[in-house]
């Protein structure tokens, strides 16, 4: 529940919005937009520089308020997601997977803000996997993490060569690349003693994944906010599950995160995810409720209105079995 602003222009959050983070009233201090916009960032050679965003030297009151509200909204959404699904809990040691993209930077930034505000202890370490991409500007990410004094580790694993060798020309790399990264993250979490792995997937990732599985895999499946691995050894969490990609992109721009490119996947045109993203955008332009409805559908499942399980269907309908056709 939002209460009146504090004396420094911050916002006060009552504990009902931050359970299970305690019963005290928490005050989130305001962060002036002019300060955020002019924070140091990195040149390509890894040296630090301070560069204000265009027009940031004298932001209007409206722009300043908008930036502060955006940060509070994202932090509130992360807190609410944790409350709903038990994502961040006392004593957690969380591996935060950071790729150098806007989503993982935002997740790392918000978790540090949360860590300073909750009335219990949890810790995290940022982990980046250097996958051996040619020209990957690892020094930029390393310089940022050192400058911001984050605990971090860089894991060197040449998955790039594996993916290039295994995936036929013209096919997408994402599936194999993702599986390889997940295995490396599990191994690293075990070595570092982390009981949870935090990924930067947001609300739009989840709805796009739902449609991708429907259209290309013949499954009704998406990304859960909290997932226990098959062997029970790892818990994968997605604290940004309530946040929109548009808000995260704006926040990353305001914070001037040094975004790194992904040349391996970004160089591939016509990725299925991009096609689905475009489809959703077109439908949303026609009906502004489309994005919200897709997200609501993730938690509004009617099993009684779906087909029965495969084993039962095959037993009762032997001559009408369904076959899933995949392009891959």
Protein backbone atom coordinates (compact mmCIF):
# COMPACT_ATOMS: atom_id res chain seq x y z
CA UNK A 1 0.00 0.00 0.00
CA UNK A 2 1.46 3.38 -0.99
CA UNK A 3 1.55 6.05 1.70
CA UNK A 4 2.39 9.78 1.43
CA UNK A 5 5.89 10.74 0.39
CA UNK A 6 8.59 11.05 3.04
CA UNK A 7 10.39 14.29 3.75
CA UNK A 8 13.15 13.55 1.25
CA UNK A 9 10.68 12.90 -1.56
CA UNK A 10 10.83 9.13 -1.22
CA UNK A 11 7.92 6.78 -0.84
CA UNK A 12 6.71 4.79 2.14
CA UNK A 13 5.62 1.19 1.67
CA UNK A 14 3.48 -0.59 4.24
CA UNK A 15 4.55 -4.14 5.00
CA UNK A 16 1.49 -5.76 3.43
CA UNK A 17 3.09 -5.08 0.04
CA UNK A 18 6.42 -6.56 1.11
CA UNK A 19 5.49 -9.72 2.98
CA UNK A 20 7.29 -11.85 4.03
CA UNK A 21 9.76 -9.04 4.55
CA UNK A 22 8.52 -8.11 8.02
CA UNK A 23 5.95 -5.89 9.64
CA UNK A 24 7.77 -2.59 9.76
CA UNK A 25 6.94 0.35 7.50
CA UNK A 26 9.77 0.78 5.00
CA UNK A 27 10.77 4.09 3.41
CA UNK A 28 12.28 4.00 -0.06
CA UNK A 29 14.34 7.17 -0.60
CA UNK A 30 13.91 9.12 -3.78
CA UNK A 31 16.63 8.96 -6.43
CA UNK A 32 16.79 12.21 -8.40
CA UNK A 33 16.53 11.62 -12.12
CA UNK A 34 19.40 14.02 -12.77
CA UNK A 35 21.65 11.91 -10.55
CA UNK A 36 20.63 8.67 -12.21
CA UNK A 37 21.03 10.03 -15.70
CA UNK A 38 24.57 11.26 -15.09
CA UNK A 39 25.92 8.20 -13.24
CA UNK A 40 29.29 6.92 -14.51
CA UNK A 41 29.36 4.34 -17.26
CA UNK A 42 32.01 2.65 -19.34
CA UNK A 43 33.64 3.33 -22.63
CA UNK A 44 34.47 0.42 -24.89
CA UNK A 45 38.03 0.34 -23.57
CA UNK A 46 36.71 -0.20 -20.05
CA UNK A 47 37.54 3.25 -18.69
CA UNK A 48 34.91 5.14 -16.77
CA UNK A 49 33.33 8.33 -17.98
CA UNK A 50 30.39 10.44 -16.90
CA UNK A 51 27.98 11.40 -19.61
CA UNK A 52 24.58 12.89 -18.96
CA UNK A 53 21.71 11.66 -21.05
CA UNK A 54 20.36 14.23 -23.50
CA UNK A 55 18.38 16.85 -21.61
CA UNK A 56 19.17 15.28 -18.22
CA UNK A 57 21.03 18.27 -16.80
CA UNK A 58 17.81 20.16 -16.21
CA UNK A 59 15.01 17.60 -16.06
CA UNK A 60 11.50 18.84 -15.65
CA UNK A 61 9.62 18.06 -12.47
CA UNK A 62 7.35 15.75 -14.46
CA UNK A 63 10.29 13.79 -15.88
CA UNK A 64 11.92 13.56 -12.45
CA UNK A 65 8.72 12.30 -10.86
CA UNK A 66 8.21 9.81 -13.70
CA UNK A 67 11.69 8.35 -13.19
CA UNK A 68 11.19 8.02 -9.45
CA UNK A 69 7.80 6.38 -9.93
CA UNK A 70 9.27 3.91 -12.42
CA UNK A 71 11.95 2.78 -9.99
CA UNK A 72 9.44 2.43 -7.18
CA UNK A 73 7.06 0.50 -9.40
CA UNK A 74 9.71 -2.00 -10.50
CA UNK A 75 10.93 -2.52 -6.95
CA UNK A 76 7.36 -2.92 -5.73
CA UNK A 77 6.66 -5.50 -8.45
CA UNK A 78 9.75 -7.47 -7.53
CA UNK A 79 8.74 -7.36 -3.86
CA UNK A 80 5.21 -8.48 -4.67
CA UNK A 81 6.46 -11.36 -6.81
CA UNK A 82 8.71 -12.49 -3.96
CA UNK A 83 5.78 -12.34 -1.57
CA UNK A 84 3.53 -14.31 -3.90
CA UNK A 85 5.99 -17.07 -4.79
CA UNK A 86 8.64 -17.12 -2.04
CA UNK A 87 11.44 -15.93 -4.32
CA UNK A 88 13.71 -14.11 -1.86
CA UNK A 89 13.75 -15.55 1.66
CA UNK A 90 15.86 -15.16 4.83
CA UNK A 91 19.28 -16.78 4.52
CA UNK A 92 19.20 -17.12 0.74
CA UNK A 93 22.46 -16.99 -1.17
CA UNK A 94 21.41 -16.17 -4.72
CA UNK A 95 23.37 -16.58 -7.94
CA UNK A 96 22.24 -13.73 -10.21
CA UNK A 97 22.89 -14.64 -13.84
CA UNK A 98 24.01 -11.50 -15.65
CA UNK A 99 24.49 -11.39 -19.41
CA UNK A 100 25.14 -7.68 -19.84
CA UNK A 101 21.62 -7.05 -21.15
CA UNK A 102 19.03 -4.63 -19.82
CA UNK A 103 17.04 -7.30 -17.95
CA UNK A 104 19.87 -8.79 -15.91
CA UNK A 105 21.35 -5.35 -15.11
CA UNK A 106 17.96 -4.22 -13.83
CA UNK A 107 17.51 -7.38 -11.77
CA UNK A 108 20.93 -6.95 -10.16
CA UNK A 109 20.25 -3.28 -9.40
CA UNK A 110 16.84 -3.95 -7.84
CA UNK A 111 18.08 -6.86 -5.73
CA UNK A 112 20.71 -4.62 -4.19
CA UNK A 113 18.06 -2.02 -3.39
CA UNK A 114 15.88 -4.73 -1.88
CA UNK A 115 18.78 -6.09 0.16
CA UNK A 116 19.23 -2.68 1.80
CA UNK A 117 15.58 -2.44 2.78
CA UNK A 118 14.33 -5.83 3.97
CA UNK A 119 14.56 -6.69 7.71
CA UNK A 120 16.43 -9.95 7.12
CA UNK A 121 19.69 -11.11 5.62
CA UNK A 122 20.18 -12.52 2.16
CA UNK A 123 23.19 -12.37 -0.13
CA UNK A 124 23.85 -12.65 -3.84
CA UNK A 125 26.69 -12.95 -6.32
CA UNK A 126 26.57 -11.87 -9.97
CA UNK A 127 27.77 -14.55 -12.38
CA UNK A 128 28.52 -14.01 -16.05
CA UNK A 129 29.35 -16.81 -18.47
CA UNK A 130 31.95 -15.82 -21.06
CA UNK A 131 30.82 -18.13 -23.85
CA UNK A 132 33.70 -17.39 -26.19
CA UNK A 133 31.81 -15.13 -28.60
CA UNK A 134 34.30 -13.38 -30.91
CA UNK A 135 34.69 -9.75 -29.92
CA UNK A 136 32.62 -10.09 -26.74
CA UNK A 137 33.43 -6.93 -24.67
CA UNK A 138 33.84 -8.71 -21.34
CA UNK A 139 36.05 -5.90 -20.01
CA UNK A 140 33.07 -3.53 -20.12
CA UNK A 141 30.94 -5.75 -17.91
CA UNK A 142 33.84 -6.50 -15.57
CA UNK A 143 34.64 -2.80 -15.23
CA UNK A 144 31.02 -1.99 -14.39
CA UNK A 145 30.75 -4.70 -11.73
CA UNK A 146 34.03 -3.60 -10.16
CA UNK A 147 33.03 0.07 -10.23
CA UNK A 148 29.66 -0.69 -8.60
CA UNK A 149 31.37 -3.02 -6.08
CA UNK A 150 29.17 -6.03 -6.78
CA UNK A 151 30.41 -9.46 -5.72
CA UNK A 152 30.84 -11.29 -9.01
CA UNK A 153 32.50 -14.14 -10.86
CA UNK A 154 33.24 -14.60 -14.55
CA UNK A 155 32.99 -18.22 -15.73
CA UNK A 156 34.89 -19.02 -18.93
CA UNK A 157 33.18 -21.71 -21.02
CA UNK A 158 33.44 -21.89 -24.82
CA UNK A 159 29.85 -22.80 -25.66
CA UNK A 160 30.05 -20.69 -28.81
CA UNK A 161 32.15 -23.29 -30.65
CA UNK A 162 29.88 -26.11 -29.46
CA UNK A 163 26.71 -24.37 -30.66
CA UNK A 164 28.22 -23.43 -34.03
CA UNK A 165 29.35 -27.03 -34.57
CA UNK A 166 26.11 -28.70 -33.47
CA UNK A 167 23.40 -26.47 -34.96
CA UNK A 168 22.82 -26.75 -38.73
CA UNK A 169 23.11 -23.64 -40.84
CA UNK A 170 19.90 -21.63 -40.84
CA UNK A 171 18.60 -23.06 -37.55
CA UNK A 172 18.43 -21.00 -34.36
CA UNK A 173 21.01 -21.38 -31.63
CA UNK A 174 18.81 -20.36 -28.71
CA UNK A 175 17.62 -23.76 -27.47
CA UNK A 176 21.03 -25.47 -27.31
CA UNK A 177 22.76 -22.33 -26.06
CA UNK A 178 20.19 -21.99 -23.27
CA UNK A 179 20.61 -25.61 -22.17
CA UNK A 180 24.39 -25.28 -22.07
CA UNK A 181 24.18 -22.08 -20.02
CA UNK A 182 21.71 -23.64 -17.60
CA UNK A 183 24.06 -26.55 -16.95
CA UNK A 184 26.96 -24.19 -16.30
CA UNK A 185 24.83 -22.10 -13.93
CA UNK A 186 23.79 -25.21 -11.97
CA UNK A 187 27.43 -26.29 -11.62
CA UNK A 188 28.54 -22.80 -10.59
CA UNK A 189 25.72 -22.41 -8.07
CA UNK A 190 26.70 -25.68 -6.46
CA UNK A 191 30.35 -24.63 -6.27
CA UNK A 192 29.52 -21.21 -4.79
CA UNK A 193 27.02 -22.59 -2.28
CA UNK A 194 24.06 -20.73 -3.82
CA UNK A 195 20.64 -22.19 -3.05
CA UNK A 196 18.83 -20.16 -5.73
CA UNK A 197 19.53 -18.96 -9.27
CA UNK A 198 17.89 -15.68 -10.32
CA UNK A 199 17.20 -15.08 -14.01
CA UNK A 200 16.14 -11.81 -15.63
CA UNK A 201 13.06 -13.04 -17.50
CA UNK A 202 10.23 -10.53 -17.41
CA UNK A 203 6.47 -10.63 -18.01
CA UNK A 204 6.74 -10.37 -21.79
CA UNK A 205 9.25 -13.22 -21.94
CA UNK A 206 6.72 -15.43 -20.20
CA UNK A 207 3.79 -14.66 -22.48
CA UNK A 208 5.99 -15.00 -25.59
CA UNK A 209 7.20 -18.39 -24.34
CA UNK A 210 3.60 -19.50 -23.83
CA UNK A 211 2.75 -18.70 -27.46
CA UNK A 212 6.01 -20.18 -28.77
CA UNK A 213 5.26 -23.49 -27.06
CA UNK A 214 1.71 -23.46 -28.37
CA UNK A 215 2.65 -22.63 -31.94
CA UNK A 216 5.94 -24.47 -32.39
CA UNK A 217 6.07 -27.25 -29.77
CA UNK A 218 2.45 -28.32 -29.28
CA UNK A 219 2.63 -27.69 -25.52
CA UNK A 220 0.85 -25.45 -23.05
CA UNK A 221 3.91 -24.36 -21.12
CA UNK A 222 5.60 -21.10 -20.14
CA UNK A 223 8.13 -19.90 -17.52
CA UNK A 224 7.17 -20.24 -13.84
CA UNK A 225 8.29 -17.59 -11.31
CA UNK A 226 9.84 -20.35 -9.19
CA UNK A 227 11.06 -23.67 -10.57
CA UNK A 228 12.64 -26.56 -8.68
CA UNK A 229 15.03 -28.58 -10.84
CA UNK A 230 14.20 -32.21 -11.57
CA UNK A 231 16.76 -33.47 -9.05
CA UNK A 232 15.57 -30.99 -6.41
CA UNK A 233 19.05 -29.52 -6.03
CA UNK A 234 18.38 -26.06 -7.50
CA UNK A 235 15.66 -23.43 -7.33
CA UNK A 236 15.39 -21.08 -10.32
CA UNK A 237 13.59 -17.80 -9.63
CA UNK A 238 12.41 -15.00 -11.91
CA UNK A 239 11.91 -11.90 -9.73
CA UNK A 240 11.02 -9.66 -12.72
CA UNK A 241 8.02 -11.82 -13.65
CA UNK A 242 5.55 -8.99 -12.93
CA UNK A 243 7.52 -6.31 -14.81
CA UNK A 244 6.98 -5.22 -18.42
CA UNK A 245 9.88 -5.18 -20.87
CA UNK A 246 9.04 -1.59 -21.80
CA UNK A 247 9.49 -0.43 -18.19
CA UNK A 248 12.74 -2.35 -17.82
CA UNK A 249 14.12 -0.80 -21.01
CA UNK A 250 13.28 2.70 -19.76
CA UNK A 251 14.84 1.99 -16.37
CA UNK A 252 18.02 0.63 -17.97
CA UNK A 253 18.29 3.79 -20.08
CA UNK A 254 17.83 6.03 -17.03
CA UNK A 255 20.48 4.08 -15.11
CA UNK A 256 22.84 4.19 -18.13
CA UNK A 257 23.74 0.51 -17.87
CA UNK A 258 26.54 -0.43 -20.32
CA UNK A 259 24.48 -2.83 -22.45
CA UNK A 260 26.45 -5.56 -24.23
CA UNK A 261 25.36 -7.04 -27.58
CA UNK A 262 24.68 -10.72 -28.17
CA UNK A 263 26.13 -11.24 -31.64
CA UNK A 264 25.52 -14.98 -31.61
CA UNK A 265 21.74 -14.75 -31.33
CA UNK A 266 21.23 -11.11 -32.29
CA UNK A 267 22.73 -11.71 -35.72
CA UNK A 268 20.02 -14.24 -36.59
CA UNK A 269 17.03 -12.77 -38.40
CA UNK A 270 13.55 -14.30 -38.20
CA UNK A 271 13.97 -15.89 -34.80
CA UNK A 272 10.73 -17.48 -33.64
CA UNK A 273 10.66 -15.30 -30.54
CA UNK A 274 10.92 -12.15 -32.63
CA UNK A 275 8.07 -13.31 -34.84
CA UNK A 276 5.90 -14.02 -31.79
CA UNK A 277 6.83 -10.68 -30.26
CA UNK A 278 5.76 -8.92 -33.46
CA UNK A 279 2.50 -10.86 -33.52
CA UNK A 280 1.67 -9.82 -29.96
CA UNK A 281 2.52 -6.20 -30.74
CA UNK A 282 0.21 -6.19 -33.75
CA UNK A 283 -2.65 -7.74 -31.79
CA UNK A 284 -2.09 -5.36 -28.89
CA UNK A 285 -2.27 -2.41 -31.27
CA UNK A 286 -5.73 -3.60 -32.25
CA UNK A 287 -6.80 -4.44 -28.68
CA UNK A 288 -4.95 -2.82 -25.73
CA UNK A 289 -6.00 -5.69 -23.44
CA UNK A 290 -4.07 -8.37 -25.34
CA UNK A 291 -0.84 -8.26 -23.31
CA UNK A 292 -2.69 -8.24 -20.02
CA UNK A 293 -4.98 -11.06 -21.08
CA UNK A 294 -2.07 -13.23 -22.16
CA UNK A 295 -0.35 -12.69 -18.83
CA UNK A 296 -3.56 -13.39 -16.90
CA UNK A 297 -3.98 -16.64 -18.83
CA UNK A 298 -0.78 -17.99 -17.25
CA UNK A 299 -2.60 -18.26 -13.92
CA UNK A 300 -6.12 -18.86 -15.21
CA UNK A 301 -5.91 -22.44 -16.47
CA UNK A 302 -9.03 -24.58 -16.88
CA UNK A 303 -7.79 -28.21 -17.10
CA UNK A 304 -11.36 -29.48 -17.44
CA UNK A 305 -11.61 -27.64 -20.75
CA UNK A 306 -8.45 -29.19 -22.22
CA UNK A 307 -7.79 -32.62 -23.66
CA UNK A 308 -6.98 -35.41 -21.18
CA UNK A 309 -3.44 -36.62 -20.63
CA UNK A 310 -1.71 -38.33 -23.57
CA UNK A 311 -1.80 -41.84 -22.02
CA UNK A 312 -5.53 -41.57 -21.40
CA UNK A 313 -6.19 -40.05 -24.82
CA UNK A 314 -4.35 -42.86 -26.56
CA UNK A 315 -6.33 -45.45 -24.60
CA UNK A 316 -9.71 -43.91 -25.39
CA UNK A 317 -9.05 -42.57 -28.89
CA UNK A 318 -6.69 -45.12 -30.48
CA UNK A 319 -7.46 -44.09 -34.04
CA UNK A 320 -7.25 -40.33 -33.51
CA UNK A 321 -3.90 -39.77 -31.87
CA UNK A 322 -2.43 -36.32 -32.03
CA UNK A 323 0.97 -35.77 -33.54
CA UNK A 324 3.10 -32.70 -32.85
CA UNK A 325 5.02 -31.44 -35.87
CA UNK A 326 8.10 -29.38 -35.13
CA UNK A 327 10.29 -27.44 -37.54
CA UNK A 328 13.42 -28.26 -35.57
